Amino acid sequence: MKNSNSENLKLGIFVILGIMIFVTAVYFIGNRQNLFGDNSVITSVFKDVNGLQPGNNVRFAGVNVGTVQKIRIINDTSIAVNMRINQNTMDLIRKNSLATISSDGLVGSMIVNLLPGENSSVPAMPVHPGDTIPSISKIATADMLTTLNTTNENAAHLTADLLKITNSINKGEGTIGVLIKDEEMANNFKKTIEGLRQATQNVSGMVNRVNSIIDEMSYKESVAGVLLSDTTAAKQIEGIISNLELSALQINNVTTNLEQFSYDIRSGEGTLNYILNNPGAVDQLDATLHNIEKATRKFDENMEALQHNILFRGYFKRQERIQATEEKKNNNK
């Protein structure tokens, strides 16, 4: 009987200790998961939760302020995450706060970080239970590892290519290798550089001489200065050039006419060509002029005979008186 009572006592103590341990564990777990106390639920919508699970922590400024209560898929591009937040920290979270999903360390569990809004200098209204805050997406650890892996592969390829180039240069292959290994080309290159340096010095000396000539030239008193600065001289020169252009045009026209005149003479047209090219034309012209001279002398003799003729004497005297009267009037004027 005594053994039965002692066993029952031990069983009772074990059950009580088990219940106490269970209650303690539930309390700590519930406290950790914010199952006890005053809590509020807010929501944020993400395109990808990157393995986030209910029960993961929610942090604000690096401090755990709640847990993930529920994750539900709205559509293929939207996933709603309900977060249970301690009531005493609700006043610290503003409506312009941002939610982002990141990992707790490099390979830790996923968490939700709440960040202050961009316009944190302008206080916003605190969030209320049931509000939805905007979200932003950060690069996940897996994406960073993938990018790092790709970068390492590219670096390996680049290193291999650089090694090939270095080996080629050391062997004297290619233009760079020849420039480095070939002494003759190196000497030619040095000579080329020396020639360029000498040419540069010559050009510099020429420029200095030109500058000295320009400095020595009296700008105001020289012809160049007048041409460059005097507007009146410029206009006169412009007029001279215009007259020269007009004269050139007229000379061109005269030349054209002379060419046409010469062509007419050569082609056998016109009186001048007849006189120049016909041998008998000169004798005929000389005979004609001699006959005209003889006829003129005879006409003068006839007129002299008419003046002495009694029938025409009165007429010629009247003409002489009229001519004398007109000459007197003209002299009086």
Protein backbone atom coordinates (compact mmCIF):
# COMPACT_ATOMS: atom_id res chain seq x y z
CA MET A 1 0.00 0.00 0.00
CA LYS A 2 2.85 2.30 0.90
CA ASN A 3 4.61 1.50 -2.39
CA SER A 4 1.43 2.37 -4.31
CA ASN A 5 1.08 5.73 -2.58
CA SER A 6 4.71 6.62 -3.20
CA GLU A 7 4.39 5.77 -6.86
CA ASN A 8 1.23 7.84 -7.16
CA LEU A 9 3.02 10.73 -5.47
CA LYS A 10 5.93 10.48 -7.85
CA LEU A 11 3.56 10.31 -10.82
CA GLY A 12 1.68 13.35 -9.58
CA ILE A 13 4.88 15.31 -9.10
CA PHE A 14 6.05 14.31 -12.62
CA VAL A 15 2.71 15.32 -14.15
CA ILE A 16 2.78 18.65 -12.32
CA LEU A 17 6.37 19.32 -13.44
CA GLY A 18 5.45 18.37 -17.00
CA ILE A 19 2.48 20.71 -16.96
CA MET A 20 4.61 23.50 -15.54
CA ILE A 21 7.27 22.98 -18.19
CA PHE A 22 4.61 22.91 -20.95
CA VAL A 23 2.97 26.07 -19.67
CA THR A 24 6.34 27.77 -19.40
CA ALA A 25 7.27 26.73 -22.93
CA VAL A 26 3.92 27.87 -24.28
CA TYR A 27 4.35 31.17 -22.50
CA PHE A 28 7.82 31.80 -23.87
CA ILE A 29 6.84 30.69 -27.35
CA GLY A 30 3.64 32.72 -27.23
CA ASN A 31 5.51 35.71 -25.88
CA ARG A 32 8.06 35.33 -28.62
CA GLN A 33 5.35 35.03 -31.24
CA ASN A 34 3.38 37.90 -29.70
CA LEU A 35 0.46 35.62 -28.90
CA PHE A 36 -0.12 37.34 -25.57
CA GLY A 37 -0.64 40.99 -24.83
CA ASP A 38 -2.11 43.74 -26.97
CA ASN A 39 -1.27 43.31 -30.66
CA SER A 40 -2.40 44.93 -33.93
CA VAL A 41 -2.26 43.55 -37.43
CA ILE A 42 -1.00 45.50 -40.44
CA THR A 43 -0.46 44.28 -44.00
CA SER A 44 2.04 44.74 -46.80
CA VAL A 45 1.93 43.34 -50.35
CA PHE A 46 5.04 41.88 -52.02
CA LYS A 47 5.78 40.43 -55.45
CA ASP A 48 7.98 37.70 -53.93
CA VAL A 49 8.36 36.72 -50.26
CA ASN A 50 11.62 34.79 -50.86
CA GLY A 51 10.76 31.91 -48.49
CA LEU A 52 9.16 33.99 -45.72
CA GLN A 53 7.03 31.88 -43.36
CA PRO A 54 4.46 32.60 -40.66
CA GLY A 55 6.15 33.14 -37.32
CA ASN A 56 9.20 34.91 -38.76
CA ASN A 57 10.19 38.11 -37.00
CA VAL A 58 9.19 41.63 -37.94
CA ARG A 59 11.79 44.27 -37.11
CA PHE A 60 11.64 48.03 -36.90
CA ALA A 61 14.99 49.83 -36.71
CA GLY A 62 16.64 46.49 -35.93
CA VAL A 63 14.33 45.70 -32.98
CA ASN A 64 11.82 42.83 -33.02
CA VAL A 65 8.38 44.45 -32.87
CA GLY A 66 6.20 41.58 -34.10
CA THR A 67 5.88 38.41 -36.12
CA VAL A 68 4.44 37.31 -39.43
CA GLN A 69 0.89 36.13 -38.79
CA LYS A 70 -0.29 34.99 -42.19
CA ILE A 71 0.83 34.82 -45.82
CA ARG A 72 -1.76 34.61 -48.56
CA ILE A 73 -1.47 34.76 -52.35
CA ILE A 74 -3.66 37.39 -53.98
CA ASN A 75 -2.61 36.73 -57.59
CA ASP A 76 0.46 35.71 -59.57
CA THR A 77 2.23 39.01 -58.84
CA SER A 78 0.89 39.96 -55.39
CA ILE A 79 1.35 38.22 -52.04
CA ALA A 80 -0.17 39.74 -48.89
CA VAL A 81 1.75 39.39 -45.63
CA ASN A 82 -0.15 40.03 -42.38
CA MET A 83 2.12 41.18 -39.54
CA ARG A 84 1.19 41.11 -35.84
CA ILE A 85 2.78 44.19 -34.23
CA ASN A 86 3.09 45.06 -30.54
CA GLN A 87 0.64 47.77 -29.61
CA ASN A 88 3.28 49.82 -27.80
CA THR A 89 5.27 50.19 -31.05
CA MET A 90 2.32 50.97 -33.35
CA ASP A 91 2.73 54.70 -32.71
CA LEU A 92 6.32 54.54 -34.02
CA ILE A 93 5.35 53.08 -37.39
CA ARG A 94 4.07 55.70 -39.84
CA LYS A 95 1.85 55.35 -42.87
CA ASN A 96 4.78 56.20 -45.16
CA SER A 97 6.96 53.43 -43.72
CA LEU A 98 8.26 50.79 -46.12
CA ALA A 99 8.34 47.01 -45.69
CA THR A 100 11.06 44.85 -47.16
CA ILE A 101 12.01 41.18 -46.87
CA SER A 102 15.61 40.23 -46.07
CA SER A 103 17.52 37.42 -44.41
CA ASP A 104 18.61 37.31 -40.78
CA GLY A 105 22.31 37.14 -41.55
CA LEU A 106 23.87 35.54 -44.62
CA VAL A 107 22.07 32.17 -44.35
CA GLY A 108 19.53 32.92 -41.58
CA SER A 109 15.74 32.80 -41.73
CA MET A 110 13.80 35.46 -43.60
CA ILE A 111 12.48 38.50 -41.71
CA VAL A 112 10.41 41.56 -42.50
CA ASN A 113 12.16 44.90 -41.97
CA LEU A 114 10.09 48.07 -41.51
CA LEU A 115 11.91 51.19 -42.70
CA PRO A 116 11.02 54.87 -42.20
CA GLY A 117 9.55 56.61 -45.24
CA GLU A 118 11.62 58.71 -47.62
CA ASN A 119 10.07 61.97 -46.36
CA SER A 120 10.87 61.18 -42.74
CA SER A 121 11.49 64.90 -42.06
CA VAL A 122 7.75 65.47 -42.49
CA PRO A 123 5.91 63.52 -39.76
CA ALA A 124 3.21 61.24 -41.12
CA MET A 125 0.19 59.76 -39.39
CA PRO A 126 0.78 56.59 -37.35
CA VAL A 127 -0.57 53.37 -38.83
CA HIS A 128 -3.81 51.92 -37.57
CA PRO A 129 -4.79 48.26 -37.25
CA GLY A 130 -5.68 46.87 -40.67
CA ASP A 131 -3.65 49.46 -42.63
CA THR A 132 -1.52 48.43 -45.61
CA ILE A 133 1.95 49.94 -45.95
CA PRO A 134 3.93 50.00 -49.19
CA SER A 135 6.76 47.56 -49.84
CA ILE A 136 10.06 47.61 -51.68
CA SER A 137 12.06 44.69 -53.07
CA LYS A 138 15.71 44.17 -52.21
CA ILE A 139 18.14 41.79 -53.80
CA ALA A 140 17.79 38.41 -52.18
CA THR A 141 20.76 36.41 -50.92
CA ALA A 142 20.24 33.81 -53.64
CA ASP A 143 20.29 36.54 -56.29
CA MET A 144 23.45 37.97 -54.79
CA LEU A 145 25.08 34.53 -54.76
CA THR A 146 24.02 33.98 -58.40
CA THR A 147 25.40 37.34 -59.41
CA LEU A 148 28.59 36.68 -57.47
CA ASN A 149 28.96 33.30 -59.17
CA THR A 150 28.50 34.89 -62.60
CA THR A 151 31.01 37.59 -61.68
CA ASN A 152 33.53 34.97 -60.60
CA GLU A 153 33.10 33.08 -63.86
CA ASN A 154 33.58 36.27 -65.87
CA ALA A 155 36.66 37.12 -63.79
CA ALA A 156 38.07 33.65 -64.47
CA HIS A 157 37.53 34.08 -68.25
CA LEU A 158 39.07 37.54 -68.10
CA THR A 159 42.08 36.23 -66.19
CA ALA A 160 42.56 33.44 -68.74
CA ASP A 161 42.40 35.94 -71.62
CA LEU A 162 44.87 38.26 -69.88
CA LEU A 163 47.19 35.30 -69.36
CA LYS A 164 47.03 34.46 -73.07
CA ILE A 165 47.75 38.07 -73.99
CA THR A 166 50.67 38.21 -71.57
CA ASN A 167 52.14 34.99 -72.96
CA SER A 168 51.79 36.31 -76.52
CA ILE A 169 53.53 39.55 -75.55
CA ASN A 170 56.35 37.63 -73.86
CA LYS A 171 56.80 35.53 -77.00
CA GLY A 172 57.00 38.66 -79.16
CA GLU A 173 53.73 37.95 -80.99
CA GLY A 174 51.43 40.70 -82.17
CA THR A 175 52.07 44.43 -82.49
CA ILE A 176 52.57 45.03 -78.78
CA GLY A 177 54.87 42.03 -78.50
CA VAL A 178 56.96 43.26 -81.42
CA LEU A 179 57.15 46.75 -79.92
CA ILE A 180 58.37 45.30 -76.62
CA LYS A 181 60.68 42.55 -77.89
CA ASP A 182 61.99 43.87 -81.24
CA GLU A 183 64.92 46.22 -80.61
CA GLU A 184 65.03 47.49 -84.20
CA MET A 185 61.39 48.57 -84.11
CA ALA A 186 61.97 50.12 -80.72
CA ASN A 187 64.86 52.14 -82.20
CA ASN A 188 62.71 53.16 -85.17
CA PHE A 189 59.99 54.23 -82.78
CA LYS A 190 62.52 56.30 -80.84
CA LYS A 191 63.69 57.94 -84.07
CA THR A 192 60.11 58.70 -85.01
CA ILE A 193 59.51 60.32 -81.64
CA GLU A 194 62.70 62.32 -82.04
CA GLY A 195 61.58 63.44 -85.53
CA LEU A 196 58.23 64.52 -84.16
CA ARG A 197 59.95 66.42 -81.38
CA GLN A 198 62.21 68.18 -83.89
CA ALA A 199 59.23 69.01 -86.13
CA THR A 200 57.39 70.39 -83.13
CA GLN A 201 60.35 72.61 -82.29
CA ASN A 202 60.53 73.86 -85.89
CA VAL A 203 56.83 74.65 -85.93
CA SER A 204 57.18 76.42 -82.59
CA GLY A 205 60.08 78.51 -83.95
CA MET A 206 58.10 79.37 -87.08
CA VAL A 207 55.13 80.47 -84.99
CA ASN A 208 57.41 82.64 -82.87
CA ARG A 209 58.87 84.28 -85.98
CA VAL A 210 55.41 84.96 -87.37
CA ASN A 211 54.37 86.47 -84.05
CA SER A 212 57.44 88.69 -84.02
CA ILE A 213 56.72 89.89 -87.56
CA ILE A 214 53.14 90.67 -86.60
CA ASP A 215 54.31 92.52 -83.48
CA GLU A 216 56.81 94.60 -85.51
CA MET A 217 54.24 95.54 -88.13
CA SER A 218 52.55 98.92 -87.53
CA TYR A 219 48.92 98.01 -87.69
CA LYS A 220 47.46 101.50 -87.99
CA GLU A 221 49.93 102.86 -90.57
CA SER A 222 50.33 99.76 -92.74
CA VAL A 223 48.30 98.85 -95.79
CA ALA A 224 47.10 95.72 -94.01
CA GLY A 225 45.84 97.79 -91.11
CA VAL A 226 43.96 100.12 -93.45
CA LEU A 227 42.46 97.21 -95.35
CA LEU A 228 41.39 95.47 -92.14
CA SER A 229 40.10 98.43 -90.10
CA ASP A 230 39.12 101.28 -92.48
CA THR A 231 35.53 100.79 -93.67
CA THR A 232 35.84 103.59 -96.25
CA ALA A 233 38.86 101.93 -97.83
CA ALA A 234 37.01 98.65 -97.80
CA LYS A 235 34.09 100.20 -99.67
CA GLN A 236 36.48 101.82 -102.19
CA ILE A 237 38.20 98.51 -102.78
CA GLU A 238 34.81 96.88 -103.19
CA GLY A 239 33.92 99.53 -105.81
CA ILE A 240 37.23 99.01 -107.61
CA ILE A 241 36.62 95.28 -107.71
CA SER A 242 33.11 95.87 -109.09
CA ASN A 243 34.50 98.20 -111.79
CA LEU A 244 37.16 95.64 -112.66
CA GLU A 245 34.48 93.00 -113.03
CA LEU A 246 32.45 95.34 -115.29
CA SER A 247 35.56 96.22 -117.33
CA ALA A 248 36.40 92.56 -117.69
CA LEU A 249 32.88 91.92 -118.97
CA GLN A 250 33.13 94.78 -121.48
CA ILE A 251 36.56 93.63 -122.63
CA ASN A 252 35.10 90.18 -123.10
CA ASN A 253 32.31 91.63 -125.27
CA VAL A 254 34.82 93.67 -127.33
CA THR A 255 36.96 90.58 -127.78
CA THR A 256 33.91 88.65 -128.93
CA ASN A 257 33.02 91.39 -131.45
CA LEU A 258 36.60 91.52 -132.75
CA GLU A 259 36.61 87.76 -133.17
CA GLN A 260 33.30 87.97 -135.09
CA PHE A 261 34.68 90.86 -137.21
CA SER A 262 37.84 88.92 -137.95
CA TYR A 263 35.79 85.86 -138.80
CA ASP A 264 33.65 87.91 -141.21
CA ILE A 265 36.77 89.25 -142.90
CA ARG A 266 38.25 85.74 -143.18
CA SER A 267 34.97 84.28 -144.44
CA GLY A 268 34.87 86.70 -147.45
CA GLU A 269 31.90 88.83 -146.36
CA GLY A 270 31.60 92.66 -146.34
CA THR A 271 33.16 95.58 -148.20
CA LEU A 272 36.38 95.61 -146.17
CA ASN A 273 37.08 91.99 -147.12
CA TYR A 274 36.44 92.91 -150.77
CA ILE A 275 38.89 95.82 -150.58
CA LEU A 276 41.53 93.82 -148.71
CA ASN A 277 41.36 90.64 -150.71
CA ASN A 278 40.52 91.91 -154.29
CA PRO A 279 43.69 93.20 -156.08
CA GLY A 280 41.71 95.28 -158.61
CA ALA A 281 39.53 96.94 -156.00
CA VAL A 282 42.32 99.38 -154.99
CA ASP A 283 42.86 100.53 -158.60
CA GLN A 284 39.13 100.97 -159.10
CA LEU A 285 38.84 102.96 -155.89
CA ASP A 286 41.80 105.18 -156.94
CA ALA A 287 40.22 105.80 -160.37
CA THR A 288 36.89 106.64 -158.77
CA LEU A 289 38.49 109.20 -156.43
CA HIS A 290 40.36 110.78 -159.41
CA ASN A 291 37.12 111.10 -161.40
CA ILE A 292 35.37 112.67 -158.39
CA GLU A 293 38.19 115.21 -158.10
CA LYS A 294 37.96 116.12 -161.82
CA ALA A 295 34.18 116.46 -161.62
CA THR A 296 34.55 118.77 -158.61
CA ARG A 297 36.96 121.06 -160.49
CA LYS A 298 34.62 121.25 -163.47
CA PHE A 299 31.68 122.02 -161.20
CA ASP A 300 33.63 124.91 -159.64
CA GLU A 301 34.48 126.28 -163.08
CA ASN A 302 30.83 126.10 -164.14
CA MET A 303 29.69 127.90 -161.00
CA GLU A 304 32.30 130.63 -161.60
CA ALA A 305 30.99 131.06 -165.17
CA LEU A 306 27.39 131.29 -163.93
CA GLN A 307 28.33 134.08 -161.50
CA HIS A 308 29.66 136.17 -164.37
CA ASN A 309 26.68 135.42 -166.60
CA ILE A 310 24.35 138.38 -167.01
CA LEU A 311 21.29 136.28 -166.35
CA PHE A 312 22.45 135.00 -162.96
CA ARG A 313 24.55 137.99 -161.84
CA GLY A 314 21.68 139.67 -159.95
CA TYR A 315 20.86 136.49 -158.06
CA PHE A 316 24.41 135.97 -156.81
CA LYS A 317 24.67 139.65 -155.70
CA ARG A 318 21.47 139.39 -153.66
CA GLN A 319 22.85 136.27 -152.02
CA GLU A 320 26.05 138.15 -151.17
CA ARG A 321 24.10 141.05 -149.60
CA ILE A 322 21.94 138.68 -147.54
CA GLN A 323 25.04 136.81 -146.32
CA ALA A 324 26.77 140.10 -145.42
CA THR A 325 23.71 141.25 -143.45
CA GLU A 326 23.58 138.01 -141.46
CA GLU A 327 27.31 138.20 -140.70
CA LYS A 328 26.88 141.78 -139.42
CA LYS A 329 24.03 140.70 -137.12
CA ASN A 330 26.10 137.90 -135.77
CA ASN A 331 29.04 140.23 -135.11
CA ASN A 332 26.78 142.71 -133.24
CA LYS A 333 25.59 139.92 -130.96
